[in-house]
Structure formats: structure tokens, C-alpha cells
Amino acid sequence: MLESLLAGILGGLVSSSIVFVWVTYWRRALVPWYENRVYQGLRIDGEWETEGSFSGKPFSEVAHVHQKAYTVRGTTIYTSGDQVEEYAFEGEFRNLILTAWYWAPGSNDLDRGTFTLAVKDSGYTLEGFFIGYIDQASSVSSGTYVWRRRSQGPNFKTSGRTTVGSPQPAGPPG
């Protein structure tokens, strides 16, 4: 009697574990892979030159963007003289709007915030605003933010005669 009870409990635990692992794999691997395969929207992965204004002072960065369907991840690298700072970011790109949050990856760095950018210029420019906490200034500030495409990522798609997002008009059919 005790053996059959333990066998039932053990069987339930094993089957629950198998279902849990399968569901986790389904959500984290299969669904994103499938979404990326069927995604038909604008691709923003690649390298971007960024410009912004923080407390009235202009700054520039280089952003490296990786996109899987609607999920966007990447880094921005800020350089000023000898000072180099890297920030990681993650967000979503839906309806031609990139909404993301950024943070300084170091354990002692407190810089973090969010930015929202809208597609302009047929996908070659993203414009918007950021807001964030800057540790050196010990303040929360906001400013303008503009990204200009430097290069397309590996998933940048072409369609027929023109590149998707290309500002050049298609020539006459022929």
C-alpha cells in the first residue's frame, strides 16, 4: 500500500516536472522562434548613431540593436574624451514605436531609465525622448533622443525592387 502511494506521488512529480520543462521551453524558445520567422514588420536591428540632449548639453552614442520579432535588445556606447560608458537596453518594437528601458550593467552603477522612439524617414531615423536617473548628477532628467541608421542587421529584409524601409522610390516596373 505504501509502495503504491509513493509510486503515485513520484509519478505525479515526474510528470509535473516534464510538463513544466516543456511549457518553459515552449514559451522561451519555440514561441519567440516562430514569432521571428513570421514577423512582417520593420526591422530595426543593426548599428545606429544616436544624438541627444541632456540638461541642455548634446551627447552622441553608438547603439547596437538585436531584434527578434517584437523584442529588442542591445547596447549603447557613450564616448567623451577618455570616458567610455556602456549601457544595455531591452524593450519592444510595436506599431513603429520602440519603447525600452536602459541600465548601466555594472553592479555599482545606478544609471537607468527609459526611452521611447518613433520611426521617421522610412525607418532610417528614430526620434523621441528619454528620461532617466544619472548617477554623476544625482538627478532624474529627460531630453530629446534621435537615432540614425548606420547599418542594417542580418535580418534586414528586401522585397522585390526596393529595400524595406528604403527612402528611395522604386523605379518603373521592368
N, C-alpha and C. Protein backbone atom coordinates (compact mmCIF):
# COMPACT_ATOMS: atom_id res chain seq x y z
N MET A 1 0.82 -1.19 0.00
CA MET A 1 0.00 0.00 0.00
C MET A 1 0.87 1.27 0.00
N LEU A 2 1.86 1.29 0.87
CA LEU A 2 2.76 2.44 0.95
C LEU A 2 3.57 2.58 -0.35
N GLU A 3 3.96 1.43 -0.93
CA GLU A 3 4.73 1.46 -2.17
C GLU A 3 3.91 2.08 -3.31
N SER A 4 2.65 1.71 -3.41
CA SER A 4 1.82 2.26 -4.49
C SER A 4 1.55 3.74 -4.26
N LEU A 5 1.43 4.17 -3.02
CA LEU A 5 1.25 5.59 -2.72
C LEU A 5 2.49 6.39 -3.13
N LEU A 6 3.68 5.88 -2.76
CA LEU A 6 4.93 6.55 -3.12
C LEU A 6 5.12 6.55 -4.64
N ALA A 7 4.77 5.45 -5.31
CA ALA A 7 4.89 5.38 -6.76
C ALA A 7 3.96 6.41 -7.42
N GLY A 8 2.77 6.58 -6.89
CA GLY A 8 1.83 7.58 -7.42
C GLY A 8 2.34 8.99 -7.23
N ILE A 9 2.88 9.28 -6.05
CA ILE A 9 3.43 10.61 -5.77
C ILE A 9 4.63 10.88 -6.67
N LEU A 10 5.53 9.89 -6.77
CA LEU A 10 6.71 10.05 -7.60
C LEU A 10 6.33 10.23 -9.08
N GLY A 11 5.37 9.46 -9.56
CA GLY A 11 4.89 9.59 -10.94
C GLY A 11 4.28 10.96 -11.19
N GLY A 12 3.53 11.48 -10.22
CA GLY A 12 2.95 12.82 -10.35
C GLY A 12 4.01 13.90 -10.40
N LEU A 13 5.03 13.76 -9.55
CA LEU A 13 6.12 14.74 -9.55
C LEU A 13 6.91 14.71 -10.86
N VAL A 14 7.19 13.51 -11.37
CA VAL A 14 7.93 13.39 -12.63
C VAL A 14 7.12 13.97 -13.78
N SER A 15 5.84 13.63 -13.86
CA SER A 15 5.03 14.16 -14.97
C SER A 15 4.85 15.66 -14.85
N SER A 16 4.70 16.19 -13.64
CA SER A 16 4.61 17.65 -13.46
C SER A 16 5.89 18.33 -13.88
N SER A 17 7.03 17.72 -13.56
CA SER A 17 8.32 18.30 -13.96
C SER A 17 8.47 18.31 -15.47
N ILE A 18 8.07 17.23 -16.12
CA ILE A 18 8.16 17.16 -17.57
C ILE A 18 7.28 18.23 -18.21
N VAL A 19 6.06 18.39 -17.72
CA VAL A 19 5.15 19.41 -18.25
C VAL A 19 5.72 20.80 -18.01
N PHE A 20 6.28 21.06 -16.83
CA PHE A 20 6.86 22.36 -16.51
C PHE A 20 8.02 22.69 -17.46
N VAL A 21 8.91 21.72 -17.68
CA VAL A 21 10.05 21.94 -18.57
C VAL A 21 9.56 22.19 -19.99
N TRP A 22 8.59 21.44 -20.46
CA TRP A 22 8.06 21.59 -21.82
C TRP A 22 7.41 22.97 -21.99
N VAL A 23 6.60 23.39 -21.02
CA VAL A 23 5.94 24.70 -21.11
C VAL A 23 6.97 25.82 -21.10
N THR A 24 7.97 25.71 -20.26
CA THR A 24 9.03 26.72 -20.21
C THR A 24 9.77 26.78 -21.55
N TYR A 25 10.12 25.63 -22.11
CA TYR A 25 10.79 25.60 -23.41
C TYR A 25 9.88 26.20 -24.48
N TRP A 26 8.62 25.86 -24.45
CA TRP A 26 7.65 26.37 -25.42
C TRP A 26 7.60 27.89 -25.39
N ARG A 27 7.50 28.47 -24.19
CA ARG A 27 7.38 29.92 -24.05
C ARG A 27 8.67 30.67 -24.35
N ARG A 28 9.80 30.11 -23.95
CA ARG A 28 11.07 30.83 -24.08
C ARG A 28 11.82 30.57 -25.38
N ALA A 29 11.55 29.44 -26.03
CA ALA A 29 12.31 29.11 -27.23
C ALA A 29 11.42 29.01 -28.48
N LEU A 30 10.41 28.18 -28.43
CA LEU A 30 9.61 27.94 -29.62
C LEU A 30 8.76 29.14 -30.03
N VAL A 31 8.07 29.77 -29.09
CA VAL A 31 7.22 30.91 -29.45
C VAL A 31 8.05 32.07 -30.00
N PRO A 32 9.16 32.49 -29.35
CA PRO A 32 9.97 33.56 -29.95
C PRO A 32 10.54 33.18 -31.32
N TRP A 33 10.98 31.94 -31.49
CA TRP A 33 11.50 31.50 -32.78
C TRP A 33 10.41 31.61 -33.86
N TYR A 34 9.21 31.14 -33.55
CA TYR A 34 8.11 31.20 -34.51
C TYR A 34 7.72 32.65 -34.82
N GLU A 35 7.61 33.49 -33.78
CA GLU A 35 7.27 34.90 -34.00
C GLU A 35 8.29 35.57 -34.90
N ASN A 36 9.57 35.27 -34.71
CA ASN A 36 10.61 35.87 -35.53
C ASN A 36 10.52 35.39 -36.98
N ARG A 37 10.16 34.13 -37.18
CA ARG A 37 10.04 33.59 -38.54
C ARG A 37 8.89 34.23 -39.31
N VAL A 38 7.78 34.54 -38.63
CA VAL A 38 6.61 35.07 -39.34
C VAL A 38 6.48 36.59 -39.22
N TYR A 39 7.40 37.23 -38.47
CA TYR A 39 7.34 38.68 -38.27
C TYR A 39 7.45 39.40 -39.61
N GLN A 40 6.52 40.29 -39.90
CA GLN A 40 6.49 41.02 -41.17
C GLN A 40 6.74 42.51 -41.00
N GLY A 41 6.96 42.96 -39.78
CA GLY A 41 7.13 44.39 -39.53
C GLY A 41 8.53 44.89 -39.89
N LEU A 42 8.73 46.16 -39.68
CA LEU A 42 10.01 46.82 -39.95
C LEU A 42 11.08 46.25 -39.04
N ARG A 43 12.26 45.99 -39.58
CA ARG A 43 13.40 45.51 -38.79
C ARG A 43 14.25 46.72 -38.41
N ILE A 44 14.61 46.80 -37.14
CA ILE A 44 15.46 47.90 -36.69
C ILE A 44 16.80 47.40 -36.18
N ASP A 45 17.09 46.11 -36.34
CA ASP A 45 18.38 45.63 -35.87
C ASP A 45 19.50 46.17 -36.74
N GLY A 46 20.65 46.31 -36.13
CA GLY A 46 21.81 46.88 -36.82
C GLY A 46 22.50 47.90 -35.93
N GLU A 47 23.27 48.77 -36.57
CA GLU A 47 24.04 49.78 -35.85
C GLU A 47 23.44 51.16 -36.11
N TRP A 48 23.33 51.96 -35.06
CA TRP A 48 22.72 53.29 -35.13
C TRP A 48 23.65 54.32 -34.49
N GLU A 49 23.69 55.51 -35.07
CA GLU A 49 24.33 56.66 -34.43
C GLU A 49 23.24 57.40 -33.67
N THR A 50 23.48 57.71 -32.42
CA THR A 50 22.47 58.39 -31.63
C THR A 50 22.94 59.77 -31.23
N GLU A 51 21.99 60.68 -31.10
CA GLU A 51 22.26 62.04 -30.61
C GLU A 51 21.18 62.38 -29.62
N GLY A 52 21.55 63.15 -28.64
CA GLY A 52 20.56 63.58 -27.67
C GLY A 52 20.99 64.85 -26.99
N SER A 53 20.12 65.30 -26.12
CA SER A 53 20.40 66.49 -25.34
C SER A 53 20.01 66.20 -23.90
N PHE A 54 20.99 66.33 -23.00
CA PHE A 54 20.77 66.09 -21.58
C PHE A 54 21.12 67.35 -20.81
N SER A 55 20.15 67.93 -20.15
CA SER A 55 20.34 69.18 -19.40
C SER A 55 20.96 70.27 -20.29
N GLY A 56 20.51 70.32 -21.55
CA GLY A 56 20.99 71.33 -22.47
C GLY A 56 22.32 71.02 -23.12
N LYS A 57 22.95 69.91 -22.74
CA LYS A 57 24.25 69.54 -23.30
C LYS A 57 24.05 68.40 -24.30
N PRO A 58 24.57 68.57 -25.53
CA PRO A 58 24.43 67.50 -26.52
C PRO A 58 25.35 66.32 -26.21
N PHE A 59 24.93 65.13 -26.61
CA PHE A 59 25.76 63.94 -26.48
C PHE A 59 25.51 63.04 -27.69
N SER A 60 26.42 62.10 -27.92
CA SER A 60 26.22 61.13 -29.01
C SER A 60 26.71 59.77 -28.52
N GLU A 61 26.14 58.74 -29.13
CA GLU A 61 26.46 57.36 -28.78
C GLU A 61 26.41 56.52 -30.05
N VAL A 62 26.79 55.27 -29.92
CA VAL A 62 26.59 54.26 -30.96
C VAL A 62 25.75 53.16 -30.33
N ALA A 63 24.66 52.79 -31.00
CA ALA A 63 23.77 51.75 -30.48
C ALA A 63 23.86 50.52 -31.38
N HIS A 64 23.96 49.36 -30.75
CA HIS A 64 23.94 48.07 -31.44
C HIS A 64 22.64 47.38 -31.06
N VAL A 65 21.78 47.12 -32.06
CA VAL A 65 20.43 46.62 -31.80
C VAL A 65 20.28 45.21 -32.36
N HIS A 66 19.69 44.33 -31.55
CA HIS A 66 19.35 42.96 -31.96
C HIS A 66 17.84 42.82 -31.79
N GLN A 67 17.18 42.32 -32.82
CA GLN A 67 15.73 42.22 -32.80
C GLN A 67 15.28 40.80 -33.12
N LYS A 68 14.35 40.30 -32.31
CA LYS A 68 13.67 39.04 -32.60
C LYS A 68 12.19 39.34 -32.52
N ALA A 69 11.55 39.43 -33.69
CA ALA A 69 10.13 39.79 -33.80
C ALA A 69 9.92 41.13 -33.10
N TYR A 70 9.15 41.16 -32.03
CA TYR A 70 8.84 42.41 -31.34
C TYR A 70 9.85 42.75 -30.24
N THR A 71 10.68 41.80 -29.84
CA THR A 71 11.63 42.01 -28.74
C THR A 71 12.92 42.62 -29.27
N VAL A 72 13.38 43.67 -28.59
CA VAL A 72 14.59 44.38 -28.99
C VAL A 72 15.54 44.43 -27.80
N ARG A 73 16.80 44.10 -28.06
CA ARG A 73 17.84 44.17 -27.03
C ARG A 73 19.08 44.78 -27.66
N GLY A 74 19.95 45.33 -26.82
CA GLY A 74 21.18 45.85 -27.38
C GLY A 74 21.99 46.63 -26.37
N THR A 75 22.96 47.38 -26.91
CA THR A 75 23.84 48.20 -26.08
C THR A 75 24.01 49.56 -26.74
N THR A 76 24.27 50.55 -25.93
CA THR A 76 24.70 51.85 -26.43
C THR A 76 26.05 52.15 -25.80
N ILE A 77 26.94 52.74 -26.58
CA ILE A 77 28.27 53.07 -26.08
C ILE A 77 28.46 54.57 -26.20
N TYR A 78 28.64 55.19 -25.05
CA TYR A 78 28.83 56.65 -24.95
C TYR A 78 30.32 56.90 -24.79
N THR A 79 30.89 57.80 -25.62
CA THR A 79 32.30 58.17 -25.51
C THR A 79 32.43 59.68 -25.42
N SER A 80 33.21 60.12 -24.47
CA SER A 80 33.50 61.54 -24.33
C SER A 80 34.93 61.65 -23.81
N GLY A 81 35.85 62.00 -24.70
CA GLY A 81 37.26 62.07 -24.30
C GLY A 81 37.75 60.67 -23.93
N ASP A 82 38.26 60.53 -22.70
CA ASP A 82 38.73 59.24 -22.22
C ASP A 82 37.60 58.42 -21.59
N GLN A 83 36.47 59.03 -21.37
CA GLN A 83 35.36 58.38 -20.70
C GLN A 83 34.55 57.53 -21.68
N VAL A 84 34.39 56.25 -21.38
CA VAL A 84 33.57 55.34 -22.19
C VAL A 84 32.59 54.64 -21.25
N GLU A 85 31.30 54.77 -21.58
CA GLU A 85 30.28 54.12 -20.76
C GLU A 85 29.40 53.28 -21.66
N GLU A 86 29.09 52.08 -21.20
CA GLU A 86 28.22 51.18 -21.95
C GLU A 86 26.93 50.97 -21.18
N TYR A 87 25.83 51.03 -21.90
CA TYR A 87 24.52 50.78 -21.32
C TYR A 87 23.85 49.64 -22.09
N ALA A 88 23.14 48.80 -21.37
CA ALA A 88 22.34 47.76 -22.01
C ALA A 88 20.90 48.24 -22.06
N PHE A 89 20.14 47.77 -23.04
CA PHE A 89 18.72 48.13 -23.09
C PHE A 89 17.91 46.95 -23.60
N GLU A 90 16.63 46.98 -23.29
CA GLU A 90 15.70 45.95 -23.69
C GLU A 90 14.32 46.57 -23.81
N GLY A 91 13.57 46.13 -24.80
CA GLY A 91 12.23 46.69 -24.96
C GLY A 91 11.45 46.01 -26.05
N GLU A 92 10.41 46.70 -26.52
CA GLU A 92 9.53 46.19 -27.55
C GLU A 92 9.40 47.19 -28.68
N PHE A 93 9.28 46.67 -29.89
CA PHE A 93 9.07 47.49 -31.06
C PHE A 93 7.74 47.07 -31.68
N ARG A 94 6.70 47.86 -31.44
CA ARG A 94 5.36 47.57 -31.95
C ARG A 94 4.76 48.84 -32.54
N ASN A 95 4.05 48.68 -33.65
CA ASN A 95 3.36 49.80 -34.29
C ASN A 95 4.29 50.98 -34.56
N LEU A 96 5.52 50.66 -34.99
CA LEU A 96 6.54 51.65 -35.35
C LEU A 96 7.00 52.52 -34.17
N ILE A 97 6.81 52.02 -32.95
CA ILE A 97 7.27 52.71 -31.74
C ILE A 97 8.18 51.77 -30.96
N LEU A 98 9.38 52.24 -30.65
CA LEU A 98 10.31 51.48 -29.79
C LEU A 98 10.18 52.03 -28.38
N THR A 99 9.80 51.17 -27.46
CA THR A 99 9.71 51.52 -26.05
C THR A 99 10.68 50.61 -25.30
N ALA A 100 11.66 51.19 -24.60
CA ALA A 100 12.68 50.37 -23.97
C ALA A 100 13.15 50.99 -22.66
N TRP A 101 13.81 50.19 -21.86
CA TRP A 101 14.45 50.68 -20.65
C TRP A 101 15.93 50.37 -20.77
N TYR A 102 16.76 51.21 -20.14
CA TYR A 102 18.21 51.02 -20.21
C TYR A 102 18.78 51.05 -18.81
N TRP A 103 19.98 50.48 -18.68
CA TRP A 103 20.66 50.44 -17.40
C TRP A 103 22.16 50.29 -17.65
N ALA A 104 22.93 50.71 -16.67
CA ALA A 104 24.38 50.51 -16.71
C ALA A 104 24.63 49.13 -16.11
N PRO A 105 25.31 48.23 -16.84
CA PRO A 105 25.42 46.86 -16.38
C PRO A 105 26.30 46.64 -15.15
N GLY A 106 27.12 47.59 -14.76
CA GLY A 106 27.98 47.41 -13.60
C GLY A 106 27.18 47.33 -12.31
N SER A 107 27.67 46.56 -11.35
CA SER A 107 26.93 46.36 -10.11
C SER A 107 26.86 47.63 -9.26
N ASN A 108 27.82 48.54 -9.42
CA ASN A 108 27.80 49.78 -8.64
C ASN A 108 27.24 50.97 -9.41
N ASP A 109 26.88 50.78 -10.67
CA ASP A 109 26.34 51.85 -11.48
C ASP A 109 24.84 51.96 -11.28
N LEU A 110 24.37 53.16 -11.06
CA LEU A 110 22.95 53.37 -10.80
C LEU A 110 22.21 54.00 -11.98
N ASP A 111 22.92 54.37 -13.04
CA ASP A 111 22.27 54.98 -14.20
C ASP A 111 21.24 54.03 -14.79
N ARG A 112 20.02 54.55 -15.01
CA ARG A 112 18.95 53.76 -15.62
C ARG A 112 17.83 54.67 -16.04
N GLY A 113 17.00 54.18 -16.94
CA GLY A 113 15.89 54.99 -17.40
C GLY A 113 15.13 54.32 -18.52
N THR A 114 14.34 55.10 -19.22
CA THR A 114 13.55 54.59 -20.34
C THR A 114 13.66 55.54 -21.52
N PHE A 115 13.34 55.03 -22.69
CA PHE A 115 13.24 55.88 -23.87
C PHE A 115 12.15 55.35 -24.78
N THR A 116 11.55 56.28 -25.51
CA THR A 116 10.51 55.96 -26.49
C THR A 116 10.86 56.68 -27.78
N LEU A 117 10.93 55.90 -28.87
CA LEU A 117 11.33 56.45 -30.16
C LEU A 117 10.32 56.03 -31.22
N ALA A 118 9.99 56.95 -32.12
CA ALA A 118 9.06 56.68 -33.22
C ALA A 118 9.83 56.65 -34.53
N VAL A 119 9.39 55.81 -35.46
CA VAL A 119 10.02 55.68 -36.77
C VAL A 119 9.75 56.92 -37.61
N LYS A 120 10.80 57.43 -38.23
CA LYS A 120 10.72 58.55 -39.18
C LYS A 120 11.57 58.18 -40.39
N ASP A 121 11.44 58.93 -41.46
CA ASP A 121 12.31 58.78 -42.64
C ASP A 121 12.36 57.34 -43.15
N SER A 122 11.19 56.72 -43.26
CA SER A 122 11.06 55.35 -43.80
C SER A 122 11.92 54.32 -43.06
N GLY A 123 12.12 54.50 -41.78
CA GLY A 123 12.85 53.53 -40.99
C GLY A 123 14.33 53.80 -40.83
N TYR A 124 14.82 54.91 -41.36
CA TYR A 124 16.23 55.24 -41.23
C TYR A 124 16.50 56.18 -40.07
N THR A 125 15.45 56.67 -39.43
CA THR A 125 15.59 57.55 -38.27
C THR A 125 14.55 57.16 -37.23
N LEU A 126 14.96 57.19 -35.96
CA LEU A 126 14.04 57.02 -34.83
C LEU A 126 14.16 58.28 -33.98
N GLU A 127 13.03 58.91 -33.65
CA GLU A 127 13.06 60.15 -32.86
C GLU A 127 12.16 60.01 -31.66
N GLY A 128 12.59 60.62 -30.56
CA GLY A 128 11.75 60.58 -29.37
C GLY A 128 12.43 61.23 -28.18
N PHE A 129 12.17 60.65 -27.02
CA PHE A 129 12.65 61.22 -25.77
C PHE A 129 13.14 60.13 -24.83
N PHE A 130 13.97 60.53 -23.87
CA PHE A 130 14.40 59.62 -22.82
C PHE A 130 14.19 60.30 -21.48
N ILE A 131 14.11 59.51 -20.45
CA ILE A 131 14.10 60.01 -19.08
C ILE A 131 14.87 59.01 -18.24
N GLY A 132 15.71 59.51 -17.35
CA GLY A 132 16.49 58.57 -16.57
C GLY A 132 17.18 59.22 -15.39
N TYR A 133 17.68 58.35 -14.54
CA TYR A 133 18.47 58.77 -13.39
C TYR A 133 19.93 58.71 -13.78
N ILE A 134 20.64 59.82 -13.64
CA ILE A 134 22.06 59.91 -13.94
C ILE A 134 22.80 60.01 -12.61
N ASP A 135 23.59 58.99 -12.31
CA ASP A 135 24.24 58.89 -11.01
C ASP A 135 25.21 60.04 -10.74
N GLN A 136 26.02 60.44 -11.75
CA GLN A 136 27.00 61.50 -11.54
C GLN A 136 26.32 62.82 -11.17
N ALA A 137 25.16 63.07 -11.76
CA ALA A 137 24.43 64.30 -11.46
C ALA A 137 23.47 64.12 -10.29
N SER A 138 23.27 62.89 -9.85
CA SER A 138 22.32 62.56 -8.78
C SER A 138 20.96 63.19 -9.05
N SER A 139 20.49 63.03 -10.29
CA SER A 139 19.20 63.63 -10.62
C SER A 139 18.50 62.83 -11.72
N VAL A 140 17.20 63.04 -11.77
CA VAL A 140 16.39 62.48 -12.84
C VAL A 140 16.20 63.58 -13.87
N SER A 141 16.53 63.26 -15.12
CA SER A 141 16.42 64.25 -16.18
C SER A 141 15.84 63.61 -17.43
N SER A 142 15.37 64.46 -18.31
CA SER A 142 14.85 63.97 -19.59
C SER A 142 15.46 64.80 -20.71
N GLY A 143 15.29 64.29 -21.93
CA GLY A 143 15.81 65.02 -23.07
C GLY A 143 15.38 64.39 -24.37
N THR A 144 15.79 65.01 -25.45
CA THR A 144 15.47 64.50 -26.78
C THR A 144 16.45 63.40 -27.15
N TYR A 145 16.02 62.54 -28.07
CA TYR A 145 16.84 61.41 -28.47
C TYR A 145 16.55 61.11 -29.93
N VAL A 146 17.58 61.03 -30.75
CA VAL A 146 17.43 60.73 -32.18
C VAL A 146 18.44 59.65 -32.54
N TRP A 147 17.97 58.62 -33.25
CA TRP A 147 18.83 57.56 -33.75
C TRP A 147 18.82 57.61 -35.27
N ARG A 148 20.01 57.48 -35.89
CA ARG A 148 20.11 57.42 -37.35
C ARG A 148 20.82 56.12 -37.73
N ARG A 149 20.22 55.40 -38.66
CA ARG A 149 20.74 54.08 -39.03
C ARG A 149 22.12 54.19 -39.68
N ARG A 150 23.06 53.39 -39.18
CA ARG A 150 24.39 53.27 -39.77
C ARG A 150 24.47 52.05 -40.67
N SER A 151 23.92 50.92 -40.20
CA SER A 151 23.95 49.69 -40.98
C SER A 151 22.76 48.82 -40.60
N GLN A 152 22.36 47.96 -41.53
CA GLN A 152 21.27 47.05 -41.27
C GLN A 152 21.80 45.78 -40.62
N GLY A 153 20.95 45.17 -39.81
CA GLY A 153 21.31 43.91 -39.19
C GLY A 153 21.13 42.75 -40.15
N PRO A 154 21.46 41.53 -39.70
CA PRO A 154 21.39 40.36 -40.58
C PRO A 154 19.97 40.00 -41.00
N ASN A 155 18.96 40.48 -40.28
CA ASN A 155 17.58 40.14 -40.61
C ASN A 155 16.90 41.18 -41.47
N PHE A 156 17.64 42.23 -41.90
CA PHE A 156 17.03 43.27 -42.71
C PHE A 156 16.58 42.65 -44.02
N LYS A 157 15.29 42.78 -44.33
CA LYS A 157 14.71 42.08 -45.47
C LYS A 157 14.59 42.99 -46.67
N THR A 158 14.72 42.39 -47.83
CA THR A 158 14.44 43.11 -49.06
C THR A 158 13.19 42.53 -49.68
N SER A 159 12.50 43.34 -50.43
CA SER A 159 11.25 42.93 -51.04
C SER A 159 11.21 43.43 -52.48
N GLY A 160 11.41 42.53 -53.41
CA GLY A 160 11.32 42.92 -54.82
C GLY A 160 12.37 43.92 -55.22
N ARG A 161 11.93 45.08 -55.73
CA ARG A 161 12.85 46.07 -56.29
C ARG A 161 13.48 46.97 -55.24
N THR A 162 12.87 47.13 -54.09
CA THR A 162 13.38 48.10 -53.13
C THR A 162 13.64 47.43 -51.79
N THR A 163 14.49 48.05 -50.99
CA THR A 163 14.74 47.59 -49.64
C THR A 163 13.61 48.07 -48.75
N VAL A 164 13.10 47.17 -47.90
CA VAL A 164 12.03 47.55 -46.99
C VAL A 164 12.55 48.66 -46.09
N GLY A 165 11.85 49.76 -46.03
CA GLY A 165 12.28 50.91 -45.23
C GLY A 165 13.16 51.86 -46.01
N SER A 166 13.42 51.61 -47.26
CA SER A 166 14.29 52.45 -48.06
C SER A 166 13.58 53.75 -48.44
N PRO A 167 14.23 54.91 -48.28
CA PRO A 167 13.59 56.16 -48.64
C PRO A 167 13.57 56.42 -50.14
N GLN A 168 14.32 55.63 -50.94
CA GLN A 168 14.35 55.84 -52.38
C GLN A 168 13.08 55.23 -53.00
N PRO A 169 12.45 55.92 -53.94
CA PRO A 169 11.28 55.34 -54.59
C PRO A 169 11.70 54.22 -55.54
N ALA A 170 10.79 53.28 -55.73
CA ALA A 170 11.05 52.20 -56.68
C ALA A 170 10.99 52.75 -58.09
N GLY A 171 11.83 52.23 -58.94
CA GLY A 171 11.83 52.68 -60.33
C GLY A 171 10.64 52.12 -61.08
N PRO A 172 10.51 52.44 -62.34
CA PRO A 172 9.40 51.91 -63.13
C PRO A 172 9.54 50.39 -63.27
N PRO A 173 8.40 49.68 -63.35
CA PRO A 173 8.48 48.22 -63.47
C PRO A 173 9.23 47.86 -64.75
N GLY A 174 9.97 46.81 -64.68
CA GLY A 174 10.68 46.42 -65.88
C GLY A 174 11.51 45.31 -65.68
